[in-house]
Amino acid sequence: MDEQSTTSPAPTPLPLQCSGRAIELINVVRAGKKVHLSGLALAKYAGAKVTITISDVPKKYAKGLGGSTVVTAADTFEVNLPAPTGRLAPLTRYTATVAGKSSLGLKLGRTLKITGNVPAAGGDRVSLQYTERLGPGKHIITIARQVSCTREVIFEKLELPASGKLTVLLPAPAGRGEVLSGGHRRVRSRSPSRGRPRESRARVLPLRAGCGRGALRP
């Protein structure tokens, strides 16, 4: 009897494991007159249509800002959409839907976003931009890697310069075919009058290849 070759299914990406959802938006970032969105979906939806819808703003304002794309064989999806304008732009929230299953919504307005992600010796060189006005006192960015749904490992703490920009070399993820390219932010404000620094926390997720530049999720 001929032996049949078997291939182990690819593990479910960590963001989907933790959310329990079939699809998740990972990155949303403005690039000139466009907004670049990327995300992940379960392997069974490869080739399926993903619809991007707009919320949190009036319908007349959201008209023409949504769109669609397709889940790739790598279980990722990406799309460039027209960027919103005006004072409501930061409030614009994007949701991805595949086969009736929806992601959590991501806002375009970000406090801390990834502006670059370049492969480098030993890992990825990631550039970050703090988008809000920096007040008095020190501002500390804590970079941590999420290794499971309940555990994260602090990689580095950096003082944010006045420009709000910094670059850090992050180690390559352990998973084959993965990149460090997105995450969450959590902001804790401490009183500058007491000489304590204000801290921002960036949690970087190990993602599958195909989700590149993007904004840190709220």
C-alpha atoms as a PDB file:
ATOM      1  CA  MET A   1       0.000   0.000   0.000  1.00  0.00           C
ATOM      2  CA  ASP A   2       1.357   3.407  -0.948  1.00  0.00           C
ATOM      3  CA  GLU A   3       2.235   5.676   1.898  1.00  0.00           C
ATOM      4  CA  GLN A   4       0.298   8.897   1.875  1.00  0.00           C
ATOM      5  CA  SER A   5       2.206  12.024   2.736  1.00  0.00           C
ATOM      6  CA  THR A   6       0.663  14.112   5.460  1.00  0.00           C
ATOM      7  CA  THR A   7       1.219  17.771   6.198  1.00  0.00           C
ATOM      8  CA  SER A   8       0.574  19.218   9.615  1.00  0.00           C
ATOM      9  CA  PRO A   9      -1.785  22.193   9.468  1.00  0.00           C
ATOM     10  CA  ALA A  10      -0.195  25.564  10.221  1.00  0.00           C
ATOM     11  CA  PRO A  11      -0.823  26.717  13.799  1.00  0.00           C
ATOM     12  CA  THR A  12      -3.469  29.381  14.302  1.00  0.00           C
ATOM     13  CA  PRO A  13      -1.777  32.812  14.597  1.00  0.00           C
ATOM     14  CA  LEU A  14      -1.570  34.084  18.162  1.00  0.00           C
ATOM     15  CA  PRO A  15      -3.892  37.106  17.636  1.00  0.00           C
ATOM     16  CA  LEU A  16      -6.670  34.756  16.485  1.00  0.00           C
ATOM     17  CA  GLN A  17      -5.976  32.279  19.289  1.00  0.00           C
ATOM     18  CA  CYS A  18      -6.315  35.022  21.888  1.00  0.00           C
ATOM     19  CA  SER A  19      -9.356  36.758  20.421  1.00  0.00           C
ATOM     20  CA  GLY A  20     -11.214  33.566  19.504  1.00  0.00           C
ATOM     21  CA  ARG A  21     -12.232  35.260  16.266  1.00  0.00           C
ATOM     22  CA  ALA A  22     -12.013  34.039  12.691  1.00  0.00           C
ATOM     23  CA  ILE A  23     -10.500  37.295  11.443  1.00  0.00           C
ATOM     24  CA  GLU A  24      -8.565  40.192  12.936  1.00  0.00           C
ATOM     25  CA  LEU A  25      -7.306  43.512  11.676  1.00  0.00           C
ATOM     26  CA  ILE A  26      -3.716  43.922  12.839  1.00  0.00           C
ATOM     27  CA  ASN A  27      -2.519  47.161  11.294  1.00  0.00           C
ATOM     28  CA  VAL A  28      -4.111  50.388  10.135  1.00  0.00           C
ATOM     29  CA  VAL A  29      -1.849  53.262   9.138  1.00  0.00           C
ATOM     30  CA  ARG A  30      -2.185  56.400   7.052  1.00  0.00           C
ATOM     31  CA  ALA A  31       0.234  56.644   4.125  1.00  0.00           C
ATOM     32  CA  GLY A  32      -0.326  59.941   2.338  1.00  0.00           C
ATOM     33  CA  LYS A  33      -3.785  59.937   0.756  1.00  0.00           C
ATOM     34  CA  LYS A  34      -4.265  56.221   1.499  1.00  0.00           C
ATOM     35  CA  VAL A  35      -4.870  54.070   4.573  1.00  0.00           C
ATOM     36  CA  HIS A  36      -3.065  50.723   4.580  1.00  0.00           C
ATOM     37  CA  LEU A  37      -4.829  47.896   6.434  1.00  0.00           C
ATOM     38  CA  SER A  38      -3.601  44.353   6.995  1.00  0.00           C
ATOM     39  CA  GLY A  39      -4.740  41.422   9.063  1.00  0.00           C
ATOM     40  CA  LEU A  40      -5.105  37.693   9.578  1.00  0.00           C
ATOM     41  CA  ALA A  41      -7.849  35.126   9.020  1.00  0.00           C
ATOM     42  CA  LEU A  42      -8.223  31.426   9.736  1.00  0.00           C
ATOM     43  CA  ALA A  43      -6.657  29.151   7.117  1.00  0.00           C
ATOM     44  CA  LYS A  44     -10.048  27.856   5.969  1.00  0.00           C
ATOM     45  CA  TYR A  45     -10.882  31.303   4.597  1.00  0.00           C
ATOM     46  CA  ALA A  46      -7.969  31.412   2.135  1.00  0.00           C
ATOM     47  CA  GLY A  47      -9.334  32.853  -1.119  1.00  0.00           C
ATOM     48  CA  ALA A  48     -12.430  34.276   0.566  1.00  0.00           C
ATOM     49  CA  LYS A  49     -13.513  37.895   0.162  1.00  0.00           C
ATOM     50  CA  VAL A  50     -12.851  40.280   3.061  1.00  0.00           C
ATOM     51  CA  THR A  51     -15.064  43.359   3.326  1.00  0.00           C
ATOM     52  CA  ILE A  52     -13.807  46.461   5.142  1.00  0.00           C
ATOM     53  CA  THR A  53     -16.523  48.673   6.635  1.00  0.00           C
ATOM     54  CA  ILE A  54     -16.401  52.042   8.406  1.00  0.00           C
ATOM     55  CA  SER A  55     -18.035  53.015  11.697  1.00  0.00           C
ATOM     56  CA  ASP A  56     -17.958  55.658  14.485  1.00  0.00           C
ATOM     57  CA  VAL A  57     -18.490  58.461  11.940  1.00  0.00           C
ATOM     58  CA  PRO A  58     -21.625  59.651  10.065  1.00  0.00           C
ATOM     59  CA  LYS A  59     -22.626  57.493   7.085  1.00  0.00           C
ATOM     60  CA  LYS A  60     -22.246  60.377   4.641  1.00  0.00           C
ATOM     61  CA  TYR A  61     -18.686  60.868   5.899  1.00  0.00           C
ATOM     62  CA  ALA A  62     -17.845  57.155   5.608  1.00  0.00           C
ATOM     63  CA  LYS A  63     -19.134  56.878   2.034  1.00  0.00           C
ATOM     64  CA  GLY A  64     -16.425  55.656  -0.338  1.00  0.00           C
ATOM     65  CA  LEU A  65     -13.892  54.907   2.422  1.00  0.00           C
ATOM     66  CA  GLY A  66     -14.544  51.150   2.705  1.00  0.00           C
ATOM     67  CA  GLY A  67     -13.473  48.403   0.331  1.00  0.00           C
ATOM     68  CA  SER A  68     -12.626  44.730  -0.045  1.00  0.00           C
ATOM     69  CA  THR A  69      -9.745  42.321  -0.573  1.00  0.00           C
ATOM     70  CA  VAL A  70      -9.063  38.566  -0.483  1.00  0.00           C
ATOM     71  CA  VAL A  71      -7.440  36.292   2.108  1.00  0.00           C
ATOM     72  CA  THR A  72      -4.154  34.940   0.708  1.00  0.00           C
ATOM     73  CA  ALA A  73      -2.816  31.390   0.914  1.00  0.00           C
ATOM     74  CA  ALA A  74      -0.678  32.636   3.837  1.00  0.00           C
ATOM     75  CA  ASP A  75      -3.911  33.490   5.742  1.00  0.00           C
ATOM     76  CA  THR A  76      -3.208  37.234   5.541  1.00  0.00           C
ATOM     77  CA  PHE A  77      -4.959  40.112   3.804  1.00  0.00           C
ATOM     78  CA  GLU A  78      -3.995  43.657   2.868  1.00  0.00           C
ATOM     79  CA  VAL A  79      -5.734  46.591   1.213  1.00  0.00           C
ATOM     80  CA  ASN A  80      -5.167  50.291   0.540  1.00  0.00           C
ATOM     81  CA  LEU A  81      -8.225  52.524   0.955  1.00  0.00           C
ATOM     82  CA  PRO A  82      -8.863  56.259   0.518  1.00  0.00           C
ATOM     83  CA  ALA A  83      -7.805  58.180   3.623  1.00  0.00           C
ATOM     84  CA  PRO A  84     -10.495  60.138   5.458  1.00  0.00           C
ATOM     85  CA  THR A  85     -10.049  63.887   5.830  1.00  0.00           C
ATOM     86  CA  GLY A  86     -11.222  66.553   8.229  1.00  0.00           C
ATOM     87  CA  ARG A  87     -11.609  66.663  11.981  1.00  0.00           C
ATOM     88  CA  LEU A  88     -13.414  63.303  12.140  1.00  0.00           C
ATOM     89  CA  ALA A  89     -10.557  61.397  10.483  1.00  0.00           C
ATOM     90  CA  PRO A  90      -8.952  60.173  13.752  1.00  0.00           C
ATOM     91  CA  LEU A  91     -12.312  58.736  14.863  1.00  0.00           C
ATOM     92  CA  THR A  92     -12.723  56.553  11.781  1.00  0.00           C
ATOM     93  CA  ARG A  93     -12.951  52.885  12.802  1.00  0.00           C
ATOM     94  CA  TYR A  94     -12.353  49.955  10.424  1.00  0.00           C
ATOM     95  CA  THR A  95     -13.831  46.452  10.715  1.00  0.00           C
ATOM     96  CA  ALA A  96     -12.983  43.421   8.552  1.00  0.00           C
ATOM     97  CA  THR A  97     -15.602  40.755   7.786  1.00  0.00           C
ATOM     98  CA  VAL A  98     -15.213  37.355   6.108  1.00  0.00           C
ATOM     99  CA  ALA A  99     -18.086  34.868   5.620  1.00  0.00           C
ATOM    100  CA  GLY A 100     -20.203  36.736   8.161  1.00  0.00           C
ATOM    101  CA  LYS A 101     -17.435  36.736  10.808  1.00  0.00           C
ATOM    102  CA  SER A 102     -16.170  40.156  11.932  1.00  0.00           C
ATOM    103  CA  SER A 103     -12.992  41.456  13.530  1.00  0.00           C
ATOM    104  CA  LEU A 104     -12.719  43.949  16.324  1.00  0.00           C
ATOM    105  CA  GLY A 105     -12.696  47.499  14.984  1.00  0.00           C
ATOM    106  CA  LEU A 106      -9.474  49.494  14.726  1.00  0.00           C
ATOM    107  CA  LYS A 107      -9.348  53.271  14.854  1.00  0.00           C
ATOM    108  CA  LEU A 108      -7.207  55.271  12.475  1.00  0.00           C
ATOM    109  CA  GLY A 109      -6.186  57.635  15.279  1.00  0.00           C
ATOM    110  CA  ARG A 110      -3.186  56.177  17.145  1.00  0.00           C
ATOM    111  CA  THR A 111      -1.122  57.288  20.099  1.00  0.00           C
ATOM    112  CA  LEU A 112       1.813  55.081  19.115  1.00  0.00           C
ATOM    113  CA  LYS A 113       2.272  53.640  15.638  1.00  0.00           C
ATOM    114  CA  ILE A 114       4.799  51.590  13.690  1.00  0.00           C
ATOM    115  CA  THR A 115       6.175  53.596  10.746  1.00  0.00           C
ATOM    116  CA  GLY A 116       8.788  51.117   9.533  1.00  0.00           C
ATOM    117  CA  ASN A 117       9.697  47.447   9.822  1.00  0.00           C
ATOM    118  CA  VAL A 118      12.890  46.377   8.048  1.00  0.00           C
ATOM    119  CA  PRO A 119      14.571  42.945   8.320  1.00  0.00           C
ATOM    120  CA  ALA A 120      18.013  43.253   9.898  1.00  0.00           C
ATOM    121  CA  ALA A 121      20.744  40.960  11.198  1.00  0.00           C
ATOM    122  CA  GLY A 122      19.281  39.149  14.201  1.00  0.00           C
ATOM    123  CA  GLY A 123      15.733  40.383  13.834  1.00  0.00           C
ATOM    124  CA  ASP A 124      13.670  43.361  12.667  1.00  0.00           C
ATOM    125  CA  ARG A 125      14.507  47.073  12.855  1.00  0.00           C
ATOM    126  CA  VAL A 126      11.224  48.697  13.879  1.00  0.00           C
ATOM    127  CA  SER A 127      10.569  52.454  13.830  1.00  0.00           C
ATOM    128  CA  LEU A 128       7.933  53.937  16.147  1.00  0.00           C
ATOM    129  CA  GLN A 129       6.216  57.330  16.191  1.00  0.00           C
ATOM    130  CA  TYR A 130       4.359  58.809  19.169  1.00  0.00           C
ATOM    131  CA  THR A 131       1.600  60.908  17.601  1.00  0.00           C
ATOM    132  CA  GLU A 132       0.312  63.004  20.499  1.00  0.00           C
ATOM    133  CA  ARG A 133       1.868  66.176  21.877  1.00  0.00           C
ATOM    134  CA  LEU A 134       4.534  65.355  24.460  1.00  0.00           C
ATOM    135  CA  GLY A 135       4.037  67.091  27.790  1.00  0.00           C
ATOM    136  CA  PRO A 136       6.675  67.869  30.439  1.00  0.00           C
ATOM    137  CA  GLY A 137       8.729  65.133  32.070  1.00  0.00           C
ATOM    138  CA  LYS A 138      10.206  61.914  30.760  1.00  0.00           C
ATOM    139  CA  HIS A 139       8.229  59.567  28.521  1.00  0.00           C
ATOM    140  CA  ILE A 140       9.198  55.895  28.717  1.00  0.00           C
ATOM    141  CA  ILE A 141       8.322  53.379  26.008  1.00  0.00           C
ATOM    142  CA  THR A 142       8.254  49.775  27.214  1.00  0.00           C
ATOM    143  CA  ILE A 143       8.627  47.193  24.432  1.00  0.00           C
ATOM    144  CA  ALA A 144       7.345  43.714  25.311  1.00  0.00           C
ATOM    145  CA  ARG A 145       6.819  40.588  23.248  1.00  0.00           C
ATOM    146  CA  GLN A 146       3.572  38.687  23.701  1.00  0.00           C
ATOM    147  CA  VAL A 147       4.453  34.999  23.826  1.00  0.00           C
ATOM    148  CA  SER A 148       1.014  33.692  24.771  1.00  0.00           C
ATOM    149  CA  CYS A 149      -2.464  35.001  25.472  1.00  0.00           C
ATOM    150  CA  THR A 150      -1.589  35.496  29.133  1.00  0.00           C
ATOM    151  CA  ARG A 151       2.163  36.092  29.133  1.00  0.00           C
ATOM    152  CA  GLU A 152       4.495  38.728  27.769  1.00  0.00           C
ATOM    153  CA  VAL A 153       8.235  39.280  28.102  1.00  0.00           C
ATOM    154  CA  ILE A 154       9.676  42.788  28.477  1.00  0.00           C
ATOM    155  CA  PHE A 155      12.369  43.343  25.878  1.00  0.00           C
ATOM    156  CA  GLU A 156      13.473  46.920  26.442  1.00  0.00           C
ATOM    157  CA  LYS A 157      12.554  50.260  28.034  1.00  0.00           C
ATOM    158  CA  LEU A 158      13.462  53.404  26.097  1.00  0.00           C
ATOM    159  CA  GLU A 159      13.119  57.107  26.801  1.00  0.00           C
ATOM    160  CA  LEU A 160      11.131  58.835  24.080  1.00  0.00           C
ATOM    161  CA  PRO A 161      12.987  61.806  22.532  1.00  0.00           C
ATOM    162  CA  ALA A 162      11.311  65.174  21.947  1.00  0.00           C
ATOM    163  CA  SER A 163      10.684  64.213  18.306  1.00  0.00           C
ATOM    164  CA  GLY A 164       8.495  61.311  19.438  1.00  0.00           C
ATOM    165  CA  LYS A 165      10.435  59.006  17.103  1.00  0.00           C
ATOM    166  CA  LEU A 166      12.608  56.033  17.960  1.00  0.00           C
ATOM    167  CA  THR A 167      13.961  52.888  16.326  1.00  0.00           C
ATOM    168  CA  VAL A 168      14.632  49.571  18.047  1.00  0.00           C
ATOM    169  CA  LEU A 169      16.111  46.270  16.876  1.00  0.00           C
ATOM    170  CA  LEU A 170      13.737  43.491  17.895  1.00  0.00           C
ATOM    171  CA  PRO A 171      14.872  39.845  17.932  1.00  0.00           C
ATOM    172  CA  ALA A 172      13.464  37.520  15.301  1.00  0.00           C
ATOM    173  CA  PRO A 173      10.415  35.530  16.512  1.00  0.00           C
ATOM    174  CA  ALA A 174      10.820  31.848  17.206  1.00  0.00           C
ATOM    175  CA  GLY A 175       8.057  30.802  14.822  1.00  0.00           C
ATOM    176  CA  ARG A 176       9.054  29.957  11.279  1.00  0.00           C
ATOM    177  CA  GLY A 177       7.826  32.417   8.669  1.00  0.00           C
ATOM    178  CA  GLU A 178       6.790  35.021  11.238  1.00  0.00           C
ATOM    179  CA  VAL A 179       7.650  38.686  11.670  1.00  0.00           C
ATOM    180  CA  LEU A 180       7.349  41.120  14.531  1.00  0.00           C
ATOM    181  CA  SER A 181       5.101  43.746  13.049  1.00  0.00           C
ATOM    182  CA  GLY A 182       2.241  44.818  15.246  1.00  0.00           C
ATOM    183  CA  GLY A 183       0.895  44.940  18.738  1.00  0.00           C
ATOM    184  CA  HIS A 184      -0.994  46.825  21.377  1.00  0.00           C
ATOM    185  CA  ARG A 185      -0.321  49.959  23.284  1.00  0.00           C
ATOM    186  CA  ARG A 186      -1.276  50.777  26.826  1.00  0.00           C
ATOM    187  CA  VAL A 187      -0.672  54.272  28.249  1.00  0.00           C
ATOM    188  CA  ARG A 188      -0.218  54.982  31.927  1.00  0.00           C
ATOM    189  CA  SER A 189       0.141  58.657  32.880  1.00  0.00           C
ATOM    190  CA  ARG A 190       2.093  59.652  35.956  1.00  0.00           C
ATOM    191  CA  SER A 191       2.183  63.127  37.439  1.00  0.00           C
ATOM    192  CA  PRO A 192       5.169  65.099  36.043  1.00  0.00           C
ATOM    193  CA  SER A 193       4.950  67.450  39.036  1.00  0.00           C
ATOM    194  CA  ARG A 194       6.177  64.604  41.227  1.00  0.00           C
ATOM    195  CA  GLY A 195       9.133  63.900  38.993  1.00  0.00           C
ATOM    196  CA  ARG A 196       7.747  60.599  37.748  1.00  0.00           C
ATOM    197  CA  PRO A 197       7.950  59.682  34.066  1.00  0.00           C
ATOM    198  CA  ARG A 198       4.946  59.101  31.856  1.00  0.00           C
ATOM    199  CA  GLU A 199       4.974  55.606  30.429  1.00  0.00           C
ATOM    200  CA  SER A 200       3.676  54.066  27.220  1.00  0.00           C
ATOM    201  CA  ARG A 201       3.665  50.318  26.787  1.00  0.00           C
ATOM    202  CA  ALA A 202       3.974  48.624  23.401  1.00  0.00           C
ATOM    203  CA  ARG A 203       3.175  44.920  23.224  1.00  0.00           C
ATOM    204  CA  VAL A 204       4.563  43.411  20.030  1.00  0.00           C
ATOM    205  CA  LEU A 205       2.870  40.307  18.656  1.00  0.00           C
ATOM    206  CA  PRO A 206       4.613  37.577  16.656  1.00  0.00           C
ATOM    207  CA  LEU A 207       2.695  37.627  13.383  1.00  0.00           C
ATOM    208  CA  ARG A 208       2.792  35.601  10.215  1.00  0.00           C
ATOM    209  CA  ALA A 209       4.585  37.016   7.194  1.00  0.00           C
ATOM    210  CA  GLY A 210       2.585  39.468   5.127  1.00  0.00           C
ATOM    211  CA  CYS A 211       1.489  41.933   7.795  1.00  0.00           C
ATOM    212  CA  GLY A 212       4.087  44.674   7.635  1.00  0.00           C
ATOM    213  CA  ARG A 213       3.923  48.346   8.567  1.00  0.00           C
ATOM    214  CA  GLY A 214       1.140  49.376  10.818  1.00  0.00           C
ATOM    215  CA  ALA A 215      -0.222  51.051  13.882  1.00  0.00           C
ATOM    216  CA  LEU A 216      -0.212  49.698  17.389  1.00  0.00           C
ATOM    217  CA  ARG A 217      -3.658  48.635  18.448  1.00  0.00           C
ATOM    218  CA  PRO A 218      -5.542  50.324  21.306  1.00  0.00           C
END
